[in-house]
Amino acid sequence: MLWNIFKTFFRVGLFTIGGGYAMLPVLQEELTKRCWLTDEECLDAISLVNGLPGPLVVNGAAFMGYKMKGVPGAFAAVMGAITPSIVVILVVASVFSSITEHPWVQAFFAGARPAVCALLVYSMVRMGRSAQLQKWYNAVLAVAALVAVGFLGVPHAIAILSAALIGILVCRFRPDEQEEDDHEPSR
């Protein structure tokens, strides 16, 4: 199982360009396809690690690996996720300064940017389904967080913690909403 965790995170790290957020849809697809985590568990993990200091990929791999197989799983996932980047960075750093002006390199980056943007949009849509945005208060929280972070400059961690506290209050004072969530089948 540990070797499979390492290989999965390695493959995701190797074939994902654009950083942690671009990696999310691929990682979520791999983990749910293998029935290691559900869509909801992936969304919970991403929500949690997004508010933590440090790189999203490392935090997410550690959390997801730990959820699957404890400390050894966390180690295998982190090593799998970061090894391709380390190798690529070492190779690129050794030759990058001499090839940045090459037309093929510039064409590669020109083509990769839109693909990374599309992966981010796909990730947002897929996570939005799991976030139950059809419920009015979840949609309001999502828009409020977007406005707070995107336009008002509120730190991400503050927006996430504030939304979490509001979610706790909603569930505390509207227990019927929580009961409905508990009885809904997972997708």
C-alpha atoms as a PDB file:
ATOM      1  CA  MET A   1       0.000   0.000   0.000  1.00  0.00           C
ATOM      2  CA  LEU A   2       2.830   2.453   0.849  1.00  0.00           C
ATOM      3  CA  TRP A   3       4.485   1.837  -2.503  1.00  0.00           C
ATOM      4  CA  ASN A   4       1.136   2.489  -4.238  1.00  0.00           C
ATOM      5  CA  ILE A   5       0.699   5.735  -2.299  1.00  0.00           C
ATOM      6  CA  PHE A   6       4.217   6.834  -3.292  1.00  0.00           C
ATOM      7  CA  LYS A   7       3.666   5.897  -6.965  1.00  0.00           C
ATOM      8  CA  THR A   8       0.314   7.688  -7.122  1.00  0.00           C
ATOM      9  CA  PHE A   9       1.620  10.920  -5.629  1.00  0.00           C
ATOM     10  CA  PHE A  10       4.809  10.641  -7.721  1.00  0.00           C
ATOM     11  CA  ARG A  11       2.787  10.267 -10.934  1.00  0.00           C
ATOM     12  CA  VAL A  12       0.582  13.214 -10.006  1.00  0.00           C
ATOM     13  CA  GLY A  13       3.637  15.311  -9.163  1.00  0.00           C
ATOM     14  CA  LEU A  14       5.410  14.287 -12.353  1.00  0.00           C
ATOM     15  CA  PHE A  15       2.601  15.042 -14.781  1.00  0.00           C
ATOM     16  CA  THR A  16       1.120  18.144 -13.174  1.00  0.00           C
ATOM     17  CA  ILE A  17       2.484  21.526 -14.188  1.00  0.00           C
ATOM     18  CA  GLY A  18       1.398  24.677 -12.384  1.00  0.00           C
ATOM     19  CA  GLY A  19       1.784  23.974  -8.688  1.00  0.00           C
ATOM     20  CA  GLY A  20      -0.517  22.770  -5.958  1.00  0.00           C
ATOM     21  CA  TYR A  21      -3.821  24.099  -7.232  1.00  0.00           C
ATOM     22  CA  ALA A  22      -3.262  22.640 -10.694  1.00  0.00           C
ATOM     23  CA  MET A  23      -2.481  19.299  -9.045  1.00  0.00           C
ATOM     24  CA  LEU A  24      -5.769  19.152  -7.123  1.00  0.00           C
ATOM     25  CA  PRO A  25      -8.115  17.814  -9.828  1.00  0.00           C
ATOM     26  CA  VAL A  26      -5.626  15.140 -10.877  1.00  0.00           C
ATOM     27  CA  LEU A  27      -4.953  14.118  -7.286  1.00  0.00           C
ATOM     28  CA  GLN A  28      -8.637  14.066  -6.398  1.00  0.00           C
ATOM     29  CA  GLU A  29      -9.381  11.933  -9.463  1.00  0.00           C
ATOM     30  CA  GLU A  30      -6.618   9.443  -8.588  1.00  0.00           C
ATOM     31  CA  LEU A  31      -7.569   9.106  -4.923  1.00  0.00           C
ATOM     32  CA  THR A  32     -11.302   8.731  -5.535  1.00  0.00           C
ATOM     33  CA  LYS A  33     -10.768   6.342  -8.480  1.00  0.00           C
ATOM     34  CA  ARG A  34      -8.782   4.061  -6.174  1.00  0.00           C
ATOM     35  CA  CYS A  35     -11.436   4.453  -3.413  1.00  0.00           C
ATOM     36  CA  TRP A  36      -8.779   5.702  -0.994  1.00  0.00           C
ATOM     37  CA  LEU A  37     -10.755   8.895  -0.269  1.00  0.00           C
ATOM     38  CA  THR A  38     -14.200  10.202  -1.194  1.00  0.00           C
ATOM     39  CA  ASP A  39     -14.794  13.525  -2.951  1.00  0.00           C
ATOM     40  CA  GLU A  40     -15.957  14.952   0.371  1.00  0.00           C
ATOM     41  CA  GLU A  41     -12.819  13.761   2.185  1.00  0.00           C
ATOM     42  CA  CYS A  42     -10.650  15.330  -0.527  1.00  0.00           C
ATOM     43  CA  LEU A  43     -12.545  18.604  -0.198  1.00  0.00           C
ATOM     44  CA  ASP A  44     -12.188  18.501   3.594  1.00  0.00           C
ATOM     45  CA  ALA A  45      -8.457  17.851   3.263  1.00  0.00           C
ATOM     46  CA  ILE A  46      -8.004  20.689   0.788  1.00  0.00           C
ATOM     47  CA  SER A  47     -10.057  23.034   2.982  1.00  0.00           C
ATOM     48  CA  LEU A  48      -7.943  22.187   6.006  1.00  0.00           C
ATOM     49  CA  VAL A  49      -4.496  22.344   4.432  1.00  0.00           C
ATOM     50  CA  ASN A  50      -5.268  25.493   2.455  1.00  0.00           C
ATOM     51  CA  GLY A  51      -5.340  27.428   5.725  1.00  0.00           C
ATOM     52  CA  LEU A  52      -2.057  25.989   7.002  1.00  0.00           C
ATOM     53  CA  PRO A  53       1.325  27.593   6.430  1.00  0.00           C
ATOM     54  CA  GLY A  54       3.531  25.874   3.905  1.00  0.00           C
ATOM     55  CA  PRO A  55       3.145  24.499   0.410  1.00  0.00           C
ATOM     56  CA  LEU A  56      -0.307  23.162  -0.430  1.00  0.00           C
ATOM     57  CA  VAL A  57       1.102  20.066  -2.131  1.00  0.00           C
ATOM     58  CA  VAL A  58       3.227  19.010   0.841  1.00  0.00           C
ATOM     59  CA  ASN A  59       0.512  19.726   3.399  1.00  0.00           C
ATOM     60  CA  GLY A  60      -2.141  18.008   1.288  1.00  0.00           C
ATOM     61  CA  ALA A  61       0.024  14.964   0.604  1.00  0.00           C
ATOM     62  CA  ALA A  62       0.903  14.657   4.297  1.00  0.00           C
ATOM     63  CA  PHE A  63      -2.727  14.904   5.384  1.00  0.00           C
ATOM     64  CA  MET A  64      -4.103  12.569   2.714  1.00  0.00           C
ATOM     65  CA  GLY A  65      -1.301  10.043   3.189  1.00  0.00           C
ATOM     66  CA  TYR A  66      -1.835  10.113   6.939  1.00  0.00           C
ATOM     67  CA  LYS A  67      -5.566   9.576   6.485  1.00  0.00           C
ATOM     68  CA  MET A  68      -4.864   6.525   4.318  1.00  0.00           C
ATOM     69  CA  LYS A  69      -2.006   4.853   6.200  1.00  0.00           C
ATOM     70  CA  GLY A  70      -0.879   6.916   9.198  1.00  0.00           C
ATOM     71  CA  VAL A  71       2.635   8.376   9.523  1.00  0.00           C
ATOM     72  CA  PRO A  72       4.211   5.981   6.974  1.00  0.00           C
ATOM     73  CA  GLY A  73       1.472   6.921   4.494  1.00  0.00           C
ATOM     74  CA  ALA A  74       2.103  10.626   5.067  1.00  0.00           C
ATOM     75  CA  PHE A  75       5.831  10.126   4.460  1.00  0.00           C
ATOM     76  CA  ALA A  76       5.236   8.074   1.294  1.00  0.00           C
ATOM     77  CA  ALA A  77       2.776  10.636  -0.087  1.00  0.00           C
ATOM     78  CA  VAL A  78       5.037  13.625   0.619  1.00  0.00           C
ATOM     79  CA  MET A  79       8.092  11.920  -0.865  1.00  0.00           C
ATOM     80  CA  GLY A  80       6.082  10.889  -3.914  1.00  0.00           C
ATOM     81  CA  ALA A  81       4.699  14.392  -4.412  1.00  0.00           C
ATOM     82  CA  ILE A  82       7.992  16.282  -4.066  1.00  0.00           C
ATOM     83  CA  THR A  83      10.475  13.933  -5.748  1.00  0.00           C
ATOM     84  CA  PRO A  84       9.500  14.808  -9.357  1.00  0.00           C
ATOM     85  CA  SER A  85       9.708  18.525  -8.600  1.00  0.00           C
ATOM     86  CA  ILE A  86      13.134  18.192  -7.026  1.00  0.00           C
ATOM     87  CA  VAL A  87      14.471  16.251 -10.005  1.00  0.00           C
ATOM     88  CA  VAL A  88      12.925  18.633 -12.542  1.00  0.00           C
ATOM     89  CA  ILE A  89      14.183  21.707 -10.671  1.00  0.00           C
ATOM     90  CA  LEU A  90      17.722  20.320 -10.529  1.00  0.00           C
ATOM     91  CA  VAL A  91      17.700  19.529 -14.250  1.00  0.00           C
ATOM     92  CA  VAL A  92      16.077  22.812 -15.257  1.00  0.00           C
ATOM     93  CA  ALA A  93      18.343  24.876 -13.003  1.00  0.00           C
ATOM     94  CA  SER A  94      21.412  23.355 -14.605  1.00  0.00           C
ATOM     95  CA  VAL A  95      20.330  24.306 -18.145  1.00  0.00           C
ATOM     96  CA  PHE A  96      17.582  26.929 -17.756  1.00  0.00           C
ATOM     97  CA  SER A  97      19.596  30.096 -18.177  1.00  0.00           C
ATOM     98  CA  SER A  98      20.911  28.902 -21.515  1.00  0.00           C
ATOM     99  CA  ILE A  99      17.525  27.840 -22.967  1.00  0.00           C
ATOM    100  CA  THR A 100      14.990  30.428 -21.780  1.00  0.00           C
ATOM    101  CA  GLU A 101      15.174  32.334 -25.060  1.00  0.00           C
ATOM    102  CA  HIS A 102      14.753  29.218 -27.207  1.00  0.00           C
ATOM    103  CA  PRO A 103      11.510  29.406 -29.205  1.00  0.00           C
ATOM    104  CA  TRP A 104      10.445  25.886 -28.195  1.00  0.00           C
ATOM    105  CA  VAL A 105      10.780  26.691 -24.503  1.00  0.00           C
ATOM    106  CA  GLN A 106       8.754  29.872 -24.918  1.00  0.00           C
ATOM    107  CA  ALA A 107       6.146  27.978 -26.946  1.00  0.00           C
ATOM    108  CA  PHE A 108       5.942  25.302 -24.226  1.00  0.00           C
ATOM    109  CA  PHE A 109       5.170  27.874 -21.543  1.00  0.00           C
ATOM    110  CA  ALA A 110       2.736  29.713 -23.810  1.00  0.00           C
ATOM    111  CA  GLY A 111       0.842  26.452 -24.319  1.00  0.00           C
ATOM    112  CA  ALA A 112       1.072  25.263 -20.714  1.00  0.00           C
ATOM    113  CA  ARG A 113      -0.402  28.422 -19.148  1.00  0.00           C
ATOM    114  CA  PRO A 114      -3.934  28.018 -20.597  1.00  0.00           C
ATOM    115  CA  ALA A 115      -3.938  24.314 -19.730  1.00  0.00           C
ATOM    116  CA  VAL A 116      -3.025  25.089 -16.119  1.00  0.00           C
ATOM    117  CA  CYS A 117      -5.784  27.703 -15.988  1.00  0.00           C
ATOM    118  CA  ALA A 118      -8.283  25.143 -17.306  1.00  0.00           C
ATOM    119  CA  LEU A 119      -7.191  22.626 -14.642  1.00  0.00           C
ATOM    120  CA  LEU A 120      -7.775  25.238 -11.957  1.00  0.00           C
ATOM    121  CA  VAL A 121     -11.283  25.975 -13.245  1.00  0.00           C
ATOM    122  CA  TYR A 122     -12.041  22.240 -13.430  1.00  0.00           C
ATOM    123  CA  SER A 123     -10.833  21.803  -9.862  1.00  0.00           C
ATOM    124  CA  MET A 124     -12.997  24.695  -8.696  1.00  0.00           C
ATOM    125  CA  VAL A 125     -16.116  23.266 -10.377  1.00  0.00           C
ATOM    126  CA  ARG A 126     -15.535  19.766  -9.017  1.00  0.00           C
ATOM    127  CA  MET A 127     -14.921  21.004  -5.478  1.00  0.00           C
ATOM    128  CA  GLY A 128     -17.923  23.316  -5.759  1.00  0.00           C
ATOM    129  CA  ARG A 129     -20.173  20.299  -6.297  1.00  0.00           C
ATOM    130  CA  SER A 130     -18.900  18.670  -3.102  1.00  0.00           C
ATOM    131  CA  ALA A 131     -19.269  21.933  -1.173  1.00  0.00           C
ATOM    132  CA  GLN A 132     -23.072  21.839  -1.537  1.00  0.00           C
ATOM    133  CA  LEU A 133     -23.281  25.359  -2.976  1.00  0.00           C
ATOM    134  CA  GLN A 134     -26.959  24.786  -3.785  1.00  0.00           C
ATOM    135  CA  LYS A 135     -27.654  25.588  -0.118  1.00  0.00           C
ATOM    136  CA  TRP A 136     -28.045  29.342   0.179  1.00  0.00           C
ATOM    137  CA  TYR A 137     -25.761  29.794   3.178  1.00  0.00           C
ATOM    138  CA  ASN A 138     -22.928  27.840   1.546  1.00  0.00           C
ATOM    139  CA  ALA A 139     -23.237  29.950  -1.600  1.00  0.00           C
ATOM    140  CA  VAL A 140     -23.227  33.143   0.493  1.00  0.00           C
ATOM    141  CA  LEU A 141     -20.136  31.946   2.371  1.00  0.00           C
ATOM    142  CA  ALA A 142     -18.351  31.148  -0.897  1.00  0.00           C
ATOM    143  CA  VAL A 143     -19.111  34.587  -2.382  1.00  0.00           C
ATOM    144  CA  ALA A 144     -18.199  36.330   0.895  1.00  0.00           C
ATOM    145  CA  ALA A 145     -14.870  34.490   1.035  1.00  0.00           C
ATOM    146  CA  LEU A 146     -14.149  35.403  -2.590  1.00  0.00           C
ATOM    147  CA  VAL A 147     -14.893  39.077  -1.948  1.00  0.00           C
ATOM    148  CA  ALA A 148     -12.946  39.108   1.328  1.00  0.00           C
ATOM    149  CA  VAL A 149      -9.814  37.487  -0.109  1.00  0.00           C
ATOM    150  CA  GLY A 150      -9.956  38.741  -3.705  1.00  0.00           C
ATOM    151  CA  PHE A 151     -11.068  42.319  -3.218  1.00  0.00           C
ATOM    152  CA  LEU A 152     -10.594  43.257   0.433  1.00  0.00           C
ATOM    153  CA  GLY A 153      -7.221  41.599   0.962  1.00  0.00           C
ATOM    154  CA  VAL A 154      -8.307  39.453   3.913  1.00  0.00           C
ATOM    155  CA  PRO A 155      -5.728  36.676   4.525  1.00  0.00           C
ATOM    156  CA  HIS A 156      -6.820  33.236   3.325  1.00  0.00           C
ATOM    157  CA  ALA A 157      -6.533  31.687   6.780  1.00  0.00           C
ATOM    158  CA  ILE A 158      -8.845  34.325   8.294  1.00  0.00           C
ATOM    159  CA  ALA A 159     -11.452  33.754   5.571  1.00  0.00           C
ATOM    160  CA  ILE A 160     -11.315  29.969   6.029  1.00  0.00           C
ATOM    161  CA  LEU A 161     -11.489  30.152   9.824  1.00  0.00           C
ATOM    162  CA  SER A 162     -14.348  32.648   9.675  1.00  0.00           C
ATOM    163  CA  ALA A 163     -16.305  30.452   7.259  1.00  0.00           C
ATOM    164  CA  ALA A 164     -15.637  27.409   9.456  1.00  0.00           C
ATOM    165  CA  LEU A 165     -16.971  29.233  12.524  1.00  0.00           C
ATOM    166  CA  ILE A 166     -20.058  30.346  10.619  1.00  0.00           C
ATOM    167  CA  GLY A 167     -20.573  26.743   9.455  1.00  0.00           C
ATOM    168  CA  ILE A 168     -20.354  25.560  13.063  1.00  0.00           C
ATOM    169  CA  LEU A 169     -22.902  28.165  14.122  1.00  0.00           C
ATOM    170  CA  VAL A 170     -25.280  27.267  11.294  1.00  0.00           C
ATOM    171  CA  CYS A 171     -25.108  23.583  12.241  1.00  0.00           C
ATOM    172  CA  ARG A 172     -25.454  24.428  15.935  1.00  0.00           C
ATOM    173  CA  PHE A 173     -28.542  26.596  15.530  1.00  0.00           C
ATOM    174  CA  ARG A 174     -30.028  24.717  12.586  1.00  0.00           C
ATOM    175  CA  PRO A 175     -29.503  21.053  13.462  1.00  0.00           C
ATOM    176  CA  ASP A 176     -32.064  20.021  10.857  1.00  0.00           C
ATOM    177  CA  GLU A 177     -29.605  21.137   8.155  1.00  0.00           C
ATOM    178  CA  GLN A 178     -26.868  18.896   9.592  1.00  0.00           C
ATOM    179  CA  GLU A 179     -29.236  15.931   9.778  1.00  0.00           C
ATOM    180  CA  GLU A 180     -30.101  16.392   6.088  1.00  0.00           C
ATOM    181  CA  ASP A 181     -26.380  16.420   5.228  1.00  0.00           C
ATOM    182  CA  ASP A 182     -25.784  13.236   7.237  1.00  0.00           C
ATOM    183  CA  HIS A 183     -28.521  11.378   5.368  1.00  0.00           C
ATOM    184  CA  GLU A 184     -27.564  12.469   1.835  1.00  0.00           C
ATOM    185  CA  PRO A 185     -25.808   9.728  -0.148  1.00  0.00           C
ATOM    186  CA  SER A 186     -22.204  10.409  -1.163  1.00  0.00           C
ATOM    187  CA  ARG A 187     -21.515  11.082  -4.836  1.00  0.00           C
END
